[in-house]
Amino acid sequence: MMDRQDIDQIALRLVSLVPPGLAQAHQDLRANFQDVLAQGLRRLDLVTREEFDVQTQVLARTRAKIDELEQRVAELEAAVAHRGTP
């Protein structure tokens, strides 16, 4: 997720696009840009990289368990089929 420094850099880029005649407004615009960007990012319902990595690990363990259980079911089905043949 973007941190405060990233938001500050984007706000500075936006302020640099303001015409030089409005130099006195730069500080106000920068603060406003930072607030708008921060509010917009909060509304996006993003997760942190750490949360994403944890969920990736959980998914990998779950996938491995499913593979293991699928293999076990196939073995049991084969054993049942083998017993059923004369």
N, C-alpha and C. Protein backbone atom coordinates (compact mmCIF):
# COMPACT_ATOMS: atom_id res chain seq x y z
N MET A 1 0.84 -1.17 0.00
CA MET A 1 0.00 0.00 0.00
C MET A 1 0.89 1.24 0.00
N MET A 2 0.36 2.32 -0.50
CA MET A 2 1.12 3.55 -0.55
C MET A 2 1.28 4.12 0.86
N ASP A 3 2.47 4.59 1.17
CA ASP A 3 2.67 5.23 2.46
C ASP A 3 2.61 6.75 2.30
N ARG A 4 2.78 7.44 3.40
CA ARG A 4 2.65 8.90 3.41
C ARG A 4 3.66 9.55 2.47
N GLN A 5 4.85 8.99 2.37
CA GLN A 5 5.89 9.56 1.51
C GLN A 5 5.47 9.48 0.04
N ASP A 6 4.87 8.36 -0.37
CA ASP A 6 4.39 8.23 -1.74
C ASP A 6 3.31 9.26 -2.04
N ILE A 7 2.40 9.46 -1.10
CA ILE A 7 1.34 10.45 -1.27
C ILE A 7 1.94 11.84 -1.38
N ASP A 8 2.94 12.14 -0.55
CA ASP A 8 3.61 13.44 -0.61
C ASP A 8 4.26 13.67 -1.97
N GLN A 9 4.90 12.65 -2.52
CA GLN A 9 5.55 12.78 -3.82
C GLN A 9 4.53 13.05 -4.93
N ILE A 10 3.41 12.35 -4.89
CA ILE A 10 2.37 12.58 -5.89
C ILE A 10 1.81 13.99 -5.75
N ALA A 11 1.58 14.42 -4.51
CA ALA A 11 1.07 15.77 -4.28
C ALA A 11 2.06 16.82 -4.81
N LEU A 12 3.34 16.59 -4.61
CA LEU A 12 4.35 17.54 -5.12
C LEU A 12 4.33 17.59 -6.64
N ARG A 13 4.15 16.45 -7.28
CA ARG A 13 4.07 16.42 -8.74
C ARG A 13 2.86 17.21 -9.23
N LEU A 14 1.74 17.03 -8.55
CA LEU A 14 0.54 17.77 -8.93
C LEU A 14 0.74 19.27 -8.73
N VAL A 15 1.35 19.65 -7.62
CA VAL A 15 1.61 21.07 -7.35
C VAL A 15 2.54 21.66 -8.40
N SER A 16 3.50 20.87 -8.87
CA SER A 16 4.44 21.39 -9.87
C SER A 16 3.74 21.71 -11.18
N LEU A 17 2.56 21.17 -11.41
CA LEU A 17 1.81 21.45 -12.62
C LEU A 17 1.02 22.77 -12.54
N VAL A 18 0.93 23.33 -11.34
CA VAL A 18 0.20 24.58 -11.15
C VAL A 18 1.03 25.72 -11.74
N PRO A 19 0.39 26.62 -12.47
CA PRO A 19 1.15 27.73 -13.08
C PRO A 19 1.91 28.55 -12.04
N PRO A 20 3.08 29.08 -12.42
CA PRO A 20 3.92 29.83 -11.48
C PRO A 20 3.22 31.03 -10.85
N GLY A 21 2.26 31.63 -11.52
CA GLY A 21 1.56 32.78 -10.99
C GLY A 21 0.78 32.48 -9.72
N LEU A 22 0.56 31.21 -9.47
CA LEU A 22 -0.19 30.80 -8.28
C LEU A 22 0.74 30.23 -7.20
N ALA A 23 1.97 30.71 -7.18
CA ALA A 23 2.98 30.17 -6.26
C ALA A 23 2.53 30.23 -4.81
N GLN A 24 1.83 31.29 -4.42
CA GLN A 24 1.40 31.40 -3.03
C GLN A 24 0.38 30.32 -2.67
N ALA A 25 -0.28 29.77 -3.66
CA ALA A 25 -1.28 28.74 -3.39
C ALA A 25 -0.67 27.34 -3.36
N HIS A 26 0.60 27.21 -3.70
CA HIS A 26 1.24 25.88 -3.77
C HIS A 26 1.09 25.09 -2.47
N GLN A 27 1.37 25.73 -1.35
CA GLN A 27 1.32 25.01 -0.07
C GLN A 27 -0.09 24.53 0.23
N ASP A 28 -1.08 25.40 -0.01
CA ASP A 28 -2.48 25.00 0.21
C ASP A 28 -2.88 23.88 -0.73
N LEU A 29 -2.50 24.01 -2.00
CA LEU A 29 -2.83 22.96 -2.97
C LEU A 29 -2.17 21.64 -2.59
N ARG A 30 -0.92 21.73 -2.16
CA ARG A 30 -0.22 20.50 -1.77
C ARG A 30 -0.95 19.80 -0.63
N ALA A 31 -1.35 20.55 0.37
CA ALA A 31 -2.07 19.96 1.51
C ALA A 31 -3.40 19.38 1.04
N ASN A 32 -4.10 20.10 0.17
CA ASN A 32 -5.37 19.59 -0.34
C ASN A 32 -5.18 18.33 -1.18
N PHE A 33 -4.17 18.32 -2.04
CA PHE A 33 -3.88 17.13 -2.85
C PHE A 33 -3.58 15.93 -1.95
N GLN A 34 -2.78 16.16 -0.91
CA GLN A 34 -2.44 15.06 0.00
C GLN A 34 -3.69 14.50 0.66
N ASP A 35 -4.56 15.38 1.12
CA ASP A 35 -5.79 14.92 1.78
C ASP A 35 -6.68 14.15 0.83
N VAL A 36 -6.85 14.68 -0.38
CA VAL A 36 -7.72 14.01 -1.36
C VAL A 36 -7.14 12.64 -1.74
N LEU A 37 -5.84 12.58 -1.95
CA LEU A 37 -5.21 11.30 -2.29
C LEU A 37 -5.34 10.29 -1.16
N ALA A 38 -5.09 10.73 0.06
CA ALA A 38 -5.17 9.82 1.21
C ALA A 38 -6.60 9.31 1.39
N GLN A 39 -7.60 10.19 1.25
CA GLN A 39 -8.99 9.76 1.38
C GLN A 39 -9.37 8.78 0.28
N GLY A 40 -8.93 9.06 -0.93
CA GLY A 40 -9.22 8.16 -2.05
C GLY A 40 -8.64 6.78 -1.85
N LEU A 41 -7.42 6.72 -1.35
CA LEU A 41 -6.79 5.43 -1.11
C LEU A 41 -7.48 4.66 0.01
N ARG A 42 -7.93 5.35 1.04
CA ARG A 42 -8.65 4.67 2.13
C ARG A 42 -9.94 4.05 1.64
N ARG A 43 -10.61 4.69 0.69
CA ARG A 43 -11.87 4.17 0.17
C ARG A 43 -11.68 2.96 -0.73
N LEU A 44 -10.49 2.73 -1.20
CA LEU A 44 -10.24 1.61 -2.10
C LEU A 44 -10.26 0.25 -1.41
N ASP A 45 -10.28 0.25 -0.09
CA ASP A 45 -10.34 -1.00 0.67
C ASP A 45 -9.18 -1.93 0.30
N LEU A 46 -7.98 -1.40 0.34
CA LEU A 46 -6.77 -2.15 0.00
C LEU A 46 -6.25 -2.90 1.22
N VAL A 47 -5.49 -3.95 0.98
CA VAL A 47 -4.84 -4.68 2.07
C VAL A 47 -3.35 -4.37 2.03
N THR A 48 -2.71 -4.56 3.16
CA THR A 48 -1.26 -4.35 3.20
C THR A 48 -0.55 -5.51 2.53
N ARG A 49 0.69 -5.30 2.18
CA ARG A 49 1.49 -6.36 1.56
C ARG A 49 1.61 -7.55 2.51
N GLU A 50 1.76 -7.25 3.80
CA GLU A 50 1.88 -8.31 4.81
C GLU A 50 0.61 -9.16 4.83
N GLU A 51 -0.56 -8.53 4.82
CA GLU A 51 -1.82 -9.28 4.81
C GLU A 51 -1.94 -10.12 3.55
N PHE A 52 -1.53 -9.55 2.42
CA PHE A 52 -1.56 -10.28 1.15
C PHE A 52 -0.66 -11.51 1.20
N ASP A 53 0.56 -11.33 1.72
CA ASP A 53 1.51 -12.44 1.81
C ASP A 53 0.99 -13.54 2.74
N VAL A 54 0.38 -13.17 3.85
CA VAL A 54 -0.18 -14.15 4.78
C VAL A 54 -1.28 -14.96 4.08
N GLN A 55 -2.17 -14.27 3.38
CA GLN A 55 -3.26 -14.97 2.69
C GLN A 55 -2.73 -15.86 1.56
N THR A 56 -1.65 -15.44 0.91
CA THR A 56 -1.02 -16.26 -0.12
C THR A 56 -0.50 -17.56 0.48
N GLN A 57 0.12 -17.47 1.66
CA GLN A 57 0.62 -18.66 2.34
C GLN A 57 -0.52 -19.58 2.76
N VAL A 58 -1.60 -18.99 3.28
CA VAL A 58 -2.77 -19.78 3.68
C VAL A 58 -3.33 -20.50 2.46
N LEU A 59 -3.43 -19.81 1.35
CA LEU A 59 -3.95 -20.42 0.13
C LEU A 59 -3.05 -21.56 -0.34
N ALA A 60 -1.75 -21.38 -0.26
CA ALA A 60 -0.81 -22.43 -0.68
C ALA A 60 -0.96 -23.67 0.20
N ARG A 61 -1.10 -23.47 1.52
CA ARG A 61 -1.29 -24.61 2.43
C ARG A 61 -2.62 -25.30 2.15
N THR A 62 -3.65 -24.52 1.89
CA THR A 62 -4.96 -25.08 1.59
C THR A 62 -4.92 -25.89 0.30
N ARG A 63 -4.25 -25.34 -0.72
CA ARG A 63 -4.13 -26.05 -2.00
C ARG A 63 -3.38 -27.37 -1.80
N ALA A 64 -2.31 -27.36 -1.01
CA ALA A 64 -1.55 -28.59 -0.75
C ALA A 64 -2.42 -29.61 -0.03
N LYS A 65 -3.22 -29.17 0.93
CA LYS A 65 -4.11 -30.09 1.67
C LYS A 65 -5.17 -30.67 0.74
N ILE A 66 -5.73 -29.85 -0.14
CA ILE A 66 -6.72 -30.34 -1.10
C ILE A 66 -6.10 -31.37 -2.03
N ASP A 67 -4.90 -31.11 -2.52
CA ASP A 67 -4.21 -32.08 -3.38
C ASP A 67 -4.00 -33.40 -2.65
N GLU A 68 -3.60 -33.29 -1.38
CA GLU A 68 -3.37 -34.49 -0.57
C GLU A 68 -4.68 -35.27 -0.39
N LEU A 69 -5.76 -34.57 -0.09
CA LEU A 69 -7.05 -35.23 0.11
C LEU A 69 -7.59 -35.82 -1.19
N GLU A 70 -7.39 -35.13 -2.31
CA GLU A 70 -7.81 -35.68 -3.61
C GLU A 70 -7.07 -36.98 -3.91
N GLN A 71 -5.79 -37.01 -3.60
CA GLN A 71 -5.00 -38.21 -3.83
C GLN A 71 -5.51 -39.35 -2.94
N ARG A 72 -5.80 -39.03 -1.69
CA ARG A 72 -6.30 -40.05 -0.75
C ARG A 72 -7.65 -40.60 -1.20
N VAL A 73 -8.54 -39.72 -1.66
CA VAL A 73 -9.85 -40.16 -2.17
C VAL A 73 -9.66 -41.07 -3.38
N ALA A 74 -8.76 -40.71 -4.28
CA ALA A 74 -8.50 -41.54 -5.46
C ALA A 74 -7.99 -42.92 -5.04
N GLU A 75 -7.12 -42.96 -4.03
CA GLU A 75 -6.61 -44.25 -3.54
C GLU A 75 -7.73 -45.09 -2.94
N LEU A 76 -8.59 -44.45 -2.15
CA LEU A 76 -9.70 -45.18 -1.55
C LEU A 76 -10.68 -45.67 -2.61
N GLU A 77 -10.95 -44.85 -3.61
CA GLU A 77 -11.85 -45.28 -4.69
C GLU A 77 -11.24 -46.46 -5.46
N ALA A 78 -9.94 -46.40 -5.68
CA ALA A 78 -9.27 -47.51 -6.37
C ALA A 78 -9.33 -48.78 -5.54
N ALA A 79 -9.17 -48.66 -4.23
CA ALA A 79 -9.23 -49.83 -3.36
C ALA A 79 -10.65 -50.42 -3.35
N VAL A 80 -11.65 -49.58 -3.31
CA VAL A 80 -13.03 -50.06 -3.34
C VAL A 80 -13.33 -50.72 -4.68
N ALA A 81 -12.87 -50.12 -5.76
CA ALA A 81 -13.10 -50.69 -7.09
C ALA A 81 -12.39 -52.03 -7.23
N HIS A 82 -11.21 -52.15 -6.66
CA HIS A 82 -10.43 -53.38 -6.74
C HIS A 82 -11.13 -54.50 -5.97
N ARG A 83 -11.70 -54.17 -4.80
CA ARG A 83 -12.41 -55.18 -4.02
C ARG A 83 -13.70 -55.63 -4.71
N GLY A 84 -14.28 -54.75 -5.48
CA GLY A 84 -15.55 -55.06 -6.14
C GLY A 84 -15.42 -55.94 -7.36
N THR A 85 -14.23 -56.12 -7.88
CA THR A 85 -14.06 -56.97 -9.07
C THR A 85 -13.87 -58.42 -8.67
N PRO A 86 -14.53 -59.35 -9.39
CA PRO A 86 -14.41 -60.78 -9.03
C PRO A 86 -13.11 -61.41 -9.40
